[in-house]
Structures are given as structure tokens and as C-alpha cells.
N, C-alpha and C. Protein backbone atom coordinates (compact mmCIF):
# COMPACT_ATOMS: atom_id res chain seq x y z
N UNK A 1 43.06 28.80 108.16
CA UNK A 1 42.41 30.03 107.75
C UNK A 1 43.33 30.86 106.84
N UNK A 2 44.62 30.92 107.22
CA UNK A 2 45.58 31.66 106.40
C UNK A 2 45.77 31.00 105.03
N UNK A 3 45.71 29.69 105.00
CA UNK A 3 45.82 28.97 103.73
C UNK A 3 44.68 29.35 102.80
N UNK A 4 43.48 29.54 103.33
CA UNK A 4 42.31 29.94 102.54
C UNK A 4 42.50 31.35 101.99
N UNK A 5 42.98 32.27 102.84
CA UNK A 5 43.22 33.66 102.39
C UNK A 5 44.29 33.68 101.31
N UNK A 6 45.35 32.89 101.50
CA UNK A 6 46.43 32.81 100.52
C UNK A 6 45.92 32.28 99.18
N UNK A 7 45.08 31.26 99.23
CA UNK A 7 44.53 30.68 97.99
C UNK A 7 43.65 31.71 97.28
N UNK A 8 42.81 32.44 98.03
CA UNK A 8 41.97 33.47 97.44
C UNK A 8 42.82 34.58 96.82
N UNK A 9 43.86 34.98 97.52
CA UNK A 9 44.73 36.05 97.01
C UNK A 9 45.44 35.61 95.74
N UNK A 10 45.94 34.39 95.69
CA UNK A 10 46.58 33.87 94.48
C UNK A 10 45.62 33.85 93.31
N UNK A 11 44.40 33.40 93.58
CA UNK A 11 43.39 33.36 92.53
C UNK A 11 43.07 34.77 92.03
N UNK A 12 43.00 35.72 92.92
CA UNK A 12 42.71 37.11 92.54
C UNK A 12 43.87 37.69 91.72
N UNK A 13 45.09 37.41 92.12
CA UNK A 13 46.27 37.86 91.38
C UNK A 13 46.25 37.27 89.98
N UNK A 14 45.94 35.99 89.88
CA UNK A 14 45.86 35.31 88.57
C UNK A 14 44.83 35.97 87.67
N UNK A 15 43.66 36.27 88.23
CA UNK A 15 42.59 36.94 87.44
C UNK A 15 43.04 38.33 87.00
N UNK A 16 43.68 39.07 87.89
CA UNK A 16 44.15 40.40 87.54
C UNK A 16 45.22 40.36 86.45
N UNK A 17 46.08 39.37 86.49
CA UNK A 17 47.09 39.21 85.43
C UNK A 17 46.43 38.91 84.10
N UNK A 18 45.39 38.07 84.11
CA UNK A 18 44.65 37.78 82.88
C UNK A 18 43.99 39.06 82.34
N UNK A 19 43.41 39.83 83.23
CA UNK A 19 42.77 41.08 82.84
C UNK A 19 43.80 42.06 82.28
N UNK A 20 44.96 42.13 82.91
CA UNK A 20 46.02 43.00 82.45
C UNK A 20 46.48 42.60 81.03
N UNK A 21 46.62 41.32 80.80
CA UNK A 21 47.03 40.83 79.50
C UNK A 21 45.96 41.11 78.44
N UNK A 22 44.69 40.91 78.81
CA UNK A 22 43.58 41.15 77.87
C UNK A 22 43.48 42.62 77.50
N UNK A 23 43.79 43.51 78.42
CA UNK A 23 43.71 44.95 78.15
C UNK A 23 45.02 45.52 77.60
N UNK A 24 46.07 44.71 77.56
CA UNK A 24 47.35 45.17 77.04
C UNK A 24 47.42 45.15 75.54
N UNK A 25 48.59 45.46 75.00
CA UNK A 25 48.74 45.60 73.55
C UNK A 25 48.59 44.28 72.81
N UNK A 26 48.77 43.17 73.46
CA UNK A 26 48.58 41.87 72.81
C UNK A 26 47.18 41.32 73.01
N UNK A 27 46.33 42.06 73.69
CA UNK A 27 44.97 41.61 73.95
C UNK A 27 43.99 42.29 73.02
N UNK A 28 43.01 42.97 73.63
CA UNK A 28 41.96 43.62 72.88
C UNK A 28 42.52 44.65 71.91
N UNK A 29 43.52 45.43 72.36
CA UNK A 29 44.12 46.43 71.48
C UNK A 29 44.66 45.78 70.21
N UNK A 30 45.39 44.71 70.38
CA UNK A 30 45.97 44.01 69.23
C UNK A 30 44.91 43.49 68.29
N UNK A 31 43.82 42.95 68.86
CA UNK A 31 42.73 42.44 68.02
C UNK A 31 42.07 43.57 67.24
N UNK A 32 41.85 44.71 67.89
CA UNK A 32 41.23 45.84 67.19
C UNK A 32 42.10 46.31 66.05
N UNK A 33 43.38 46.44 66.30
CA UNK A 33 44.30 46.88 65.25
C UNK A 33 44.33 45.84 64.13
N UNK A 34 44.43 44.58 64.49
CA UNK A 34 44.51 43.52 63.50
C UNK A 34 43.29 43.51 62.57
N UNK A 35 42.11 43.81 63.12
CA UNK A 35 40.90 43.80 62.32
C UNK A 35 40.71 45.12 61.56
N UNK A 36 41.27 46.20 62.05
CA UNK A 36 41.10 47.50 61.39
C UNK A 36 42.09 47.70 60.24
N UNK A 37 43.27 47.16 60.35
CA UNK A 37 44.30 47.42 59.34
C UNK A 37 43.91 47.02 57.91
N UNK A 38 43.31 45.87 57.70
CA UNK A 38 42.93 45.54 56.32
C UNK A 38 41.95 46.54 55.71
N UNK A 39 41.04 47.04 56.52
CA UNK A 39 40.08 48.03 56.04
C UNK A 39 40.76 49.36 55.71
N UNK A 40 41.67 49.79 56.59
CA UNK A 40 42.42 51.03 56.35
C UNK A 40 43.28 50.87 55.11
N UNK A 41 43.94 49.75 54.99
CA UNK A 41 44.80 49.48 53.82
C UNK A 41 44.00 49.50 52.52
N UNK A 42 42.85 48.87 52.53
CA UNK A 42 42.02 48.81 51.33
C UNK A 42 41.53 50.21 50.93
N UNK A 43 41.05 50.97 51.91
CA UNK A 43 40.55 52.32 51.63
C UNK A 43 41.69 53.24 51.18
N UNK A 44 42.83 53.16 51.84
CA UNK A 44 43.98 54.00 51.47
C UNK A 44 44.45 53.66 50.06
N UNK A 45 44.44 52.39 49.70
CA UNK A 45 44.87 52.00 48.35
C UNK A 45 43.88 52.44 47.28
N UNK A 46 42.59 52.47 47.63
CA UNK A 46 41.61 53.00 46.67
C UNK A 46 41.88 54.47 46.37
N UNK A 47 42.19 55.22 47.43
CA UNK A 47 42.49 56.64 47.23
C UNK A 47 43.84 56.82 46.53
N UNK A 48 44.83 56.03 46.93
CA UNK A 48 46.14 56.13 46.26
C UNK A 48 46.04 55.79 44.78
N UNK A 49 45.16 54.88 44.45
CA UNK A 49 44.94 54.54 43.04
C UNK A 49 44.53 55.80 42.26
N UNK A 50 43.62 56.56 42.85
CA UNK A 50 43.17 57.80 42.19
C UNK A 50 44.26 58.87 42.18
N UNK A 51 45.02 58.94 43.27
CA UNK A 51 46.05 59.98 43.38
C UNK A 51 47.27 59.73 42.50
N UNK A 52 47.54 58.46 42.19
CA UNK A 52 48.78 58.13 41.47
C UNK A 52 48.53 57.44 40.14
N UNK A 53 47.31 57.36 39.72
CA UNK A 53 47.02 56.65 38.48
C UNK A 53 47.33 55.17 38.58
N UNK A 54 47.24 54.64 39.79
CA UNK A 54 47.45 53.19 40.00
C UNK A 54 48.90 52.79 40.11
N UNK A 55 49.81 53.75 40.27
CA UNK A 55 51.25 53.41 40.31
C UNK A 55 51.77 53.13 41.72
N UNK A 56 51.04 53.56 42.76
CA UNK A 56 51.52 53.34 44.14
C UNK A 56 50.53 52.52 44.93
N UNK A 57 51.09 51.71 45.85
CA UNK A 57 50.27 50.91 46.77
C UNK A 57 50.98 50.86 48.11
N UNK A 58 50.18 50.66 49.15
CA UNK A 58 50.77 50.45 50.47
C UNK A 58 50.28 49.12 51.03
N UNK A 59 51.03 48.62 51.97
CA UNK A 59 50.59 47.44 52.73
C UNK A 59 51.13 47.59 54.16
N UNK A 60 50.39 47.03 55.08
CA UNK A 60 50.77 47.08 56.49
C UNK A 60 51.30 45.72 56.90
N UNK A 61 52.40 45.73 57.63
CA UNK A 61 52.94 44.48 58.20
C UNK A 61 52.96 44.64 59.71
N UNK A 62 52.43 43.65 60.39
CA UNK A 62 52.33 43.73 61.85
C UNK A 62 53.36 42.85 62.57
N UNK A 63 54.15 42.11 61.82
CA UNK A 63 55.21 41.30 62.42
C UNK A 63 56.46 41.40 61.58
N UNK A 64 57.59 41.36 62.26
CA UNK A 64 58.89 41.43 61.59
C UNK A 64 59.81 40.37 62.20
N UNK A 65 60.58 39.71 61.34
CA UNK A 65 61.53 38.71 61.80
C UNK A 65 62.68 39.41 62.52
N UNK A 66 62.99 38.97 63.73
CA UNK A 66 64.12 39.55 64.45
C UNK A 66 65.42 39.04 63.85
N UNK A 67 66.40 39.93 63.78
CA UNK A 67 67.70 39.55 63.21
C UNK A 67 68.53 38.77 64.23
N UNK A 68 68.32 39.06 65.51
CA UNK A 68 69.15 38.48 66.56
C UNK A 68 68.76 37.05 66.94
N UNK A 69 67.48 36.71 66.73
CA UNK A 69 67.05 35.36 67.09
C UNK A 69 65.87 34.95 66.22
N UNK A 70 65.52 33.71 66.28
CA UNK A 70 64.49 33.15 65.39
C UNK A 70 63.09 33.38 65.98
N UNK A 71 62.69 34.66 66.08
CA UNK A 71 61.38 35.02 66.63
C UNK A 71 60.82 36.18 65.82
N UNK A 72 59.53 36.39 66.00
CA UNK A 72 58.86 37.51 65.35
C UNK A 72 58.62 38.61 66.37
N UNK A 73 58.74 39.86 65.93
CA UNK A 73 58.46 41.00 66.78
C UNK A 73 57.20 41.67 66.30
N UNK A 74 56.38 42.16 67.25
CA UNK A 74 55.19 42.92 66.90
C UNK A 74 55.64 44.29 66.41
N UNK A 75 55.08 44.74 65.31
CA UNK A 75 55.47 46.02 64.71
C UNK A 75 54.31 46.56 63.89
N UNK A 76 54.45 47.74 63.38
CA UNK A 76 53.52 48.25 62.40
C UNK A 76 54.36 48.97 61.36
N UNK A 77 54.67 48.28 60.30
CA UNK A 77 55.45 48.83 59.20
C UNK A 77 54.54 49.10 58.03
N UNK A 78 54.71 50.25 57.42
CA UNK A 78 53.96 50.58 56.23
C UNK A 78 54.90 50.40 55.05
N UNK A 79 54.57 49.48 54.19
CA UNK A 79 55.36 49.18 53.00
C UNK A 79 54.75 49.96 51.83
N UNK A 80 55.61 50.65 51.10
CA UNK A 80 55.15 51.45 49.95
C UNK A 80 55.85 50.92 48.71
N UNK A 81 55.04 50.71 47.67
CA UNK A 81 55.65 50.26 46.42
C UNK A 81 55.07 51.05 45.26
N UNK A 82 55.84 51.14 44.21
CA UNK A 82 55.40 51.78 42.98
C UNK A 82 55.97 50.96 41.82
N UNK A 83 55.94 51.54 40.64
CA UNK A 83 56.42 50.81 39.46
C UNK A 83 57.87 50.38 39.57
N UNK A 84 58.64 51.08 40.39
CA UNK A 84 60.07 50.74 40.56
C UNK A 84 60.28 49.69 41.65
N UNK A 85 59.23 49.28 42.32
CA UNK A 85 59.34 48.30 43.40
C UNK A 85 59.15 48.94 44.75
N UNK A 86 59.50 48.21 45.80
CA UNK A 86 59.32 48.70 47.16
C UNK A 86 60.58 49.43 47.60
N UNK A 87 60.39 50.57 48.26
CA UNK A 87 61.53 51.31 48.80
C UNK A 87 61.09 52.06 50.04
N UNK A 88 62.05 52.51 50.86
CA UNK A 88 61.71 53.20 52.10
C UNK A 88 60.98 54.51 51.84
N UNK A 89 60.16 54.89 52.79
CA UNK A 89 59.37 56.12 52.73
C UNK A 89 60.24 57.32 52.40
N UNK A 90 61.41 57.42 53.02
CA UNK A 90 62.29 58.58 52.82
C UNK A 90 62.80 58.71 51.40
N UNK A 91 62.74 57.64 50.63
CA UNK A 91 63.24 57.67 49.25
C UNK A 91 62.20 58.17 48.25
N UNK A 92 60.98 58.46 48.73
CA UNK A 92 59.95 59.02 47.87
C UNK A 92 60.03 60.53 47.91
N UNK A 93 59.59 61.18 46.86
CA UNK A 93 59.59 62.66 46.81
C UNK A 93 58.59 63.19 47.82
N UNK A 94 58.68 64.50 48.08
CA UNK A 94 57.74 65.14 49.00
C UNK A 94 56.31 64.99 48.53
N UNK A 95 56.08 65.10 47.22
CA UNK A 95 54.74 64.95 46.66
C UNK A 95 54.21 63.53 46.85
N UNK A 96 55.08 62.56 46.62
CA UNK A 96 54.67 61.15 46.79
C UNK A 96 54.37 60.87 48.26
N UNK A 97 55.22 61.39 49.15
CA UNK A 97 54.99 61.20 50.58
C UNK A 97 53.67 61.83 51.00
N UNK A 98 53.37 63.03 50.47
CA UNK A 98 52.11 63.69 50.79
C UNK A 98 50.94 62.81 50.36
N UNK A 99 51.00 62.22 49.18
CA UNK A 99 49.88 61.39 48.69
C UNK A 99 49.68 60.18 49.59
N UNK A 100 50.76 59.54 50.01
CA UNK A 100 50.67 58.39 50.91
C UNK A 100 50.08 58.84 52.25
N UNK A 101 50.59 59.92 52.80
CA UNK A 101 50.09 60.44 54.07
C UNK A 101 48.59 60.79 53.98
N UNK A 102 48.23 61.45 52.92
CA UNK A 102 46.84 61.87 52.71
C UNK A 102 45.93 60.64 52.65
N UNK A 103 46.32 59.64 51.89
CA UNK A 103 45.50 58.44 51.73
C UNK A 103 45.34 57.69 53.06
N UNK A 104 46.42 57.53 53.81
CA UNK A 104 46.36 56.80 55.07
C UNK A 104 45.55 57.59 56.10
N UNK A 105 45.78 58.89 56.20
CA UNK A 105 45.05 59.70 57.17
C UNK A 105 43.57 59.72 56.88
N UNK A 106 43.21 59.87 55.61
CA UNK A 106 41.80 59.92 55.27
C UNK A 106 41.14 58.55 55.54
N UNK A 107 41.82 57.48 55.19
CA UNK A 107 41.27 56.13 55.45
C UNK A 107 41.09 55.89 56.94
N UNK A 108 42.06 56.30 57.73
CA UNK A 108 41.96 56.14 59.19
C UNK A 108 40.82 56.98 59.75
N UNK A 109 40.69 58.21 59.28
CA UNK A 109 39.62 59.10 59.75
C UNK A 109 38.27 58.52 59.41
N UNK A 110 38.12 58.00 58.21
CA UNK A 110 36.84 57.42 57.80
C UNK A 110 36.49 56.19 58.65
N UNK A 111 37.47 55.36 58.93
CA UNK A 111 37.24 54.19 59.77
C UNK A 111 36.80 54.62 61.17
N UNK A 112 37.51 55.56 61.76
CA UNK A 112 37.16 56.00 63.12
C UNK A 112 35.78 56.61 63.16
N UNK A 113 35.45 57.41 62.17
CA UNK A 113 34.11 58.02 62.14
C UNK A 113 33.05 56.95 61.99
N UNK A 114 33.27 55.99 61.11
CA UNK A 114 32.30 54.93 60.90
C UNK A 114 32.10 54.11 62.16
N UNK A 115 33.18 53.82 62.86
CA UNK A 115 33.09 53.03 64.09
C UNK A 115 32.40 53.81 65.21
N UNK A 116 32.49 55.12 65.15
CA UNK A 116 31.83 55.94 66.18
C UNK A 116 30.38 56.20 65.80
N UNK A 117 29.96 55.68 64.63
CA UNK A 117 28.60 55.88 64.19
C UNK A 117 28.36 57.30 63.70
N UNK A 118 29.43 57.94 63.29
CA UNK A 118 29.32 59.32 62.80
C UNK A 118 29.77 59.39 61.35
N UNK A 119 29.60 60.57 60.80
CA UNK A 119 30.04 60.82 59.44
C UNK A 119 31.02 61.98 59.49
N UNK A 120 32.12 61.85 58.76
CA UNK A 120 33.04 62.97 58.69
C UNK A 120 32.33 64.13 57.99
N UNK A 121 32.26 65.26 58.65
CA UNK A 121 31.55 66.39 58.08
C UNK A 121 32.45 67.28 57.24
N UNK A 122 33.67 67.49 57.73
CA UNK A 122 34.55 68.47 57.10
C UNK A 122 35.94 67.87 56.88
N UNK A 123 36.48 68.13 55.70
CA UNK A 123 37.86 67.78 55.37
C UNK A 123 38.60 69.06 55.11
N UNK A 124 39.74 69.27 55.80
CA UNK A 124 40.53 70.46 55.60
C UNK A 124 41.89 70.03 55.07
N UNK A 125 42.27 70.58 53.92
CA UNK A 125 43.59 70.32 53.33
C UNK A 125 44.31 71.66 53.31
N UNK A 126 45.31 71.80 54.17
CA UNK A 126 46.01 73.05 54.33
C UNK A 126 47.35 72.96 53.63
N UNK A 127 47.47 73.69 52.53
CA UNK A 127 48.73 73.78 51.77
C UNK A 127 49.26 72.44 51.31
N UNK A 128 48.38 71.54 50.92
CA UNK A 128 48.80 70.22 50.48
C UNK A 128 49.25 70.14 49.04
N UNK A 129 49.11 71.21 48.31
CA UNK A 129 49.41 71.16 46.88
C UNK A 129 50.83 71.59 46.54
N UNK A 130 51.48 72.29 47.44
CA UNK A 130 52.81 72.84 47.16
C UNK A 130 53.85 71.79 46.82
N UNK A 131 53.72 70.60 47.38
CA UNK A 131 54.72 69.56 47.14
C UNK A 131 54.43 68.78 45.86
N UNK A 132 53.32 69.11 45.20
CA UNK A 132 52.90 68.35 44.03
C UNK A 132 53.35 69.00 42.73
N UNK A 133 53.74 68.17 41.77
CA UNK A 133 53.98 68.69 40.43
C UNK A 133 52.61 68.92 39.78
N UNK A 134 52.56 69.55 38.59
CA UNK A 134 51.24 69.85 37.99
C UNK A 134 50.36 68.60 37.83
N UNK A 135 50.95 67.48 37.44
CA UNK A 135 50.18 66.23 37.30
C UNK A 135 49.65 65.76 38.67
N UNK A 136 50.49 65.85 39.70
CA UNK A 136 50.08 65.47 41.05
C UNK A 136 48.98 66.37 41.57
N UNK A 137 49.07 67.68 41.26
CA UNK A 137 48.01 68.61 41.68
C UNK A 137 46.68 68.24 41.03
N UNK A 138 46.75 67.92 39.73
CA UNK A 138 45.53 67.56 39.01
C UNK A 138 44.91 66.30 39.60
N UNK A 139 45.73 65.31 39.90
CA UNK A 139 45.22 64.07 40.49
C UNK A 139 44.62 64.32 41.88
N UNK A 140 45.25 65.20 42.65
CA UNK A 140 44.72 65.52 43.97
C UNK A 140 43.37 66.23 43.86
N UNK A 141 43.25 67.16 42.93
CA UNK A 141 41.97 67.82 42.70
C UNK A 141 40.91 66.79 42.29
N UNK A 142 41.27 65.88 41.40
CA UNK A 142 40.33 64.84 40.98
C UNK A 142 39.92 63.95 42.13
N UNK A 143 40.89 63.59 42.98
CA UNK A 143 40.58 62.75 44.14
C UNK A 143 39.64 63.49 45.10
N UNK A 144 39.89 64.76 45.30
CA UNK A 144 39.03 65.55 46.18
C UNK A 144 37.61 65.60 45.60
N UNK A 145 37.51 65.83 44.30
CA UNK A 145 36.19 65.86 43.66
C UNK A 145 35.49 64.50 43.74
N UNK A 146 36.27 63.42 43.69
CA UNK A 146 35.71 62.08 43.78
C UNK A 146 35.12 61.79 45.15
N UNK A 147 35.78 62.31 46.20
CA UNK A 147 35.33 62.01 47.57
C UNK A 147 34.44 63.11 48.14
N UNK A 148 34.11 64.11 47.33
CA UNK A 148 33.34 65.25 47.88
C UNK A 148 31.98 64.85 48.44
N UNK A 149 31.36 63.79 47.92
CA UNK A 149 30.06 63.36 48.43
C UNK A 149 30.16 62.74 49.82
N UNK A 150 31.38 62.39 50.24
CA UNK A 150 31.58 61.83 51.58
C UNK A 150 31.60 62.90 52.67
N UNK A 151 31.62 64.17 52.27
CA UNK A 151 31.77 65.28 53.22
C UNK A 151 30.71 66.35 52.96
N UNK A 152 30.33 67.04 54.02
CA UNK A 152 29.43 68.18 53.89
C UNK A 152 30.20 69.35 53.27
N UNK A 153 31.46 69.51 53.70
CA UNK A 153 32.29 70.57 53.13
C UNK A 153 33.75 70.13 53.11
N UNK A 154 34.43 70.62 52.10
CA UNK A 154 35.87 70.40 51.98
C UNK A 154 36.51 71.78 51.83
N UNK A 155 37.44 72.08 52.73
CA UNK A 155 38.17 73.35 52.67
C UNK A 155 39.59 73.07 52.20
N UNK A 156 39.97 73.72 51.12
CA UNK A 156 41.33 73.59 50.59
C UNK A 156 41.97 74.95 50.74
N UNK A 157 43.05 75.01 51.48
CA UNK A 157 43.79 76.24 51.70
C UNK A 157 45.04 76.17 50.84
N UNK A 158 45.18 77.16 49.94
CA UNK A 158 46.35 77.14 49.06
C UNK A 158 46.69 78.55 48.60
N UNK A 159 47.95 78.75 48.25
CA UNK A 159 48.40 80.02 47.68
C UNK A 159 48.74 79.84 46.19
N UNK A 160 48.44 78.71 45.64
CA UNK A 160 48.77 78.43 44.24
C UNK A 160 47.68 78.98 43.33
N UNK A 161 48.04 79.99 42.54
CA UNK A 161 47.07 80.69 41.68
C UNK A 161 46.35 79.76 40.70
N UNK A 162 47.05 78.79 40.14
CA UNK A 162 46.43 77.93 39.13
C UNK A 162 45.29 77.07 39.68
N UNK A 163 45.16 77.00 41.01
CA UNK A 163 44.10 76.21 41.61
C UNK A 163 42.85 77.02 41.93
N UNK A 164 42.89 78.31 41.66
CA UNK A 164 41.75 79.17 41.98
C UNK A 164 40.45 78.69 41.35
N UNK A 165 40.52 78.21 40.13
CA UNK A 165 39.30 77.79 39.44
C UNK A 165 39.04 76.29 39.51
N UNK A 166 39.83 75.59 40.30
CA UNK A 166 39.68 74.13 40.38
C UNK A 166 38.46 73.71 41.18
N UNK A 167 37.94 74.62 42.01
CA UNK A 167 36.80 74.29 42.87
C UNK A 167 35.70 75.32 42.65
N UNK A 168 34.43 74.91 42.81
CA UNK A 168 33.31 75.78 42.44
C UNK A 168 33.17 77.04 43.29
N UNK A 169 33.53 77.00 44.55
CA UNK A 169 33.39 78.15 45.43
C UNK A 169 34.73 78.36 46.13
N UNK A 170 35.10 79.62 46.27
CA UNK A 170 36.35 79.88 46.99
C UNK A 170 36.19 81.10 47.89
N UNK A 171 36.97 81.13 48.91
CA UNK A 171 37.02 82.26 49.84
C UNK A 171 38.40 82.87 49.65
N UNK A 172 38.46 84.10 49.22
CA UNK A 172 39.73 84.78 49.03
C UNK A 172 39.98 85.71 50.19
N UNK A 173 41.18 85.63 50.73
CA UNK A 173 41.57 86.51 51.82
C UNK A 173 42.71 87.38 51.31
N UNK A 174 42.50 88.67 51.38
CA UNK A 174 43.50 89.62 50.90
C UNK A 174 44.00 90.44 52.09
N UNK A 175 45.32 90.39 52.27
CA UNK A 175 45.93 91.15 53.36
C UNK A 175 46.03 92.62 52.95
N UNK A 176 45.61 93.49 53.85
CA UNK A 176 45.72 94.93 53.62
C UNK A 176 46.38 95.56 54.85
N UNK A 177 46.82 96.80 54.69
CA UNK A 177 47.53 97.43 55.79
C UNK A 177 46.73 97.52 57.10
N UNK A 178 45.42 97.64 57.02
CA UNK A 178 44.62 97.79 58.23
C UNK A 178 43.76 96.56 58.53
N UNK A 179 44.14 95.42 57.99
CA UNK A 179 43.40 94.20 58.24
C UNK A 179 43.11 93.45 56.95
N UNK A 180 42.70 92.25 57.07
CA UNK A 180 42.40 91.41 55.91
C UNK A 180 40.98 91.60 55.44
N UNK A 181 40.78 91.41 54.15
CA UNK A 181 39.45 91.48 53.57
C UNK A 181 39.11 90.11 53.03
N UNK A 182 37.91 89.63 53.34
CA UNK A 182 37.46 88.30 52.93
C UNK A 182 36.35 88.45 51.91
N UNK A 183 36.46 87.68 50.82
CA UNK A 183 35.40 87.71 49.79
C UNK A 183 35.09 86.27 49.38
N UNK A 184 33.80 85.95 49.23
CA UNK A 184 33.37 84.65 48.74
C UNK A 184 33.14 84.81 47.23
N UNK A 185 33.85 84.01 46.48
CA UNK A 185 33.79 84.10 45.01
C UNK A 185 33.13 82.85 44.45
């Protein structure tokens, strides 16, 4: 009788280990990421093309060769390249980093919304223009105008005067001694 209980318990432990592996990072999670990354990469590169005039691209790598032994490690590395070749993220300017971040975040947001069966309603860009040179600002405005049909509303928060006329409607907030005044222009 005890042998039967032991056999059942071993079988149950084996099933639970299989379930644990399937729900772990090398199971369903890994499959979801593996299938989502090409779509995120493609969408991010489409946006980066508009933001950089086709000079920057990203790629995702999910495995890296270990230096200590002849094996591969699971990872998620974002490779960034431009006309000068591939270099680390930290070696790009603040404006270039912002463009990469913006493209990846927007692509990820769009994928998640699509998978949830929803549509992204609102995009908020808070002070994203300060790190851009005039050419980068213009490209960002163009990219926003290009994707505007994907959103019900896009809110751009900025203190840069030259961007006041870049968008058809703006909300101006003026600080006064007894409170702020808001005007829709």
C-alpha cells in the first residue's frame, strides 16, 4: 500500500515540476517574449526610421555567448546601430537615446494594446523635446503627426517656444501669483 502511495506521490511531483518549468521563464513566458520581440523590433524600427531619417536601427538579441564556458545565456540585449556602426547605448547622445526609448516604448505599448484587444487612446509626451536638436525636434514632430491617426489624442507637454505652432491645438498654462490660468488656443 505504501509503495502505491509513494508511486502516486512521485508522479504528482513529476507533474508539478513539469508545470513549474512550463510556467517559468523558459516555458510559456519565454515563448511569448520570443514571438513578441520581432514584432516590437519591426514597429520600433519603422518609427526610428521616421525619427532619424533612416540612420538608426535596433535589434534584440535573446542569447549571448558566455565568456567562461562554451554555452549560451538567456538575455535581452538591445543592439543599436547607426551610420557609424554599432555602439553601446551610453555612447549615444541624450537626443538619440530619447528617440530609441520613444520608439521601443511606443512599439511595446501598441503590441500590448493590440494583444488586449484594445486601442491606445492617448499618447502623452512629457518634455521629450528638450534633449533634441532642432533637426531632431522636427523629426519628432513629423513622427507624432504620422502616428496621430493611431490615437484619439496626443498630449505634448513642452516649454520650448518654437514648438507652440507645431500642433493644431494647444493648452497654455500661465502661472500667476494667485494660481494658474489655463487657455485653449
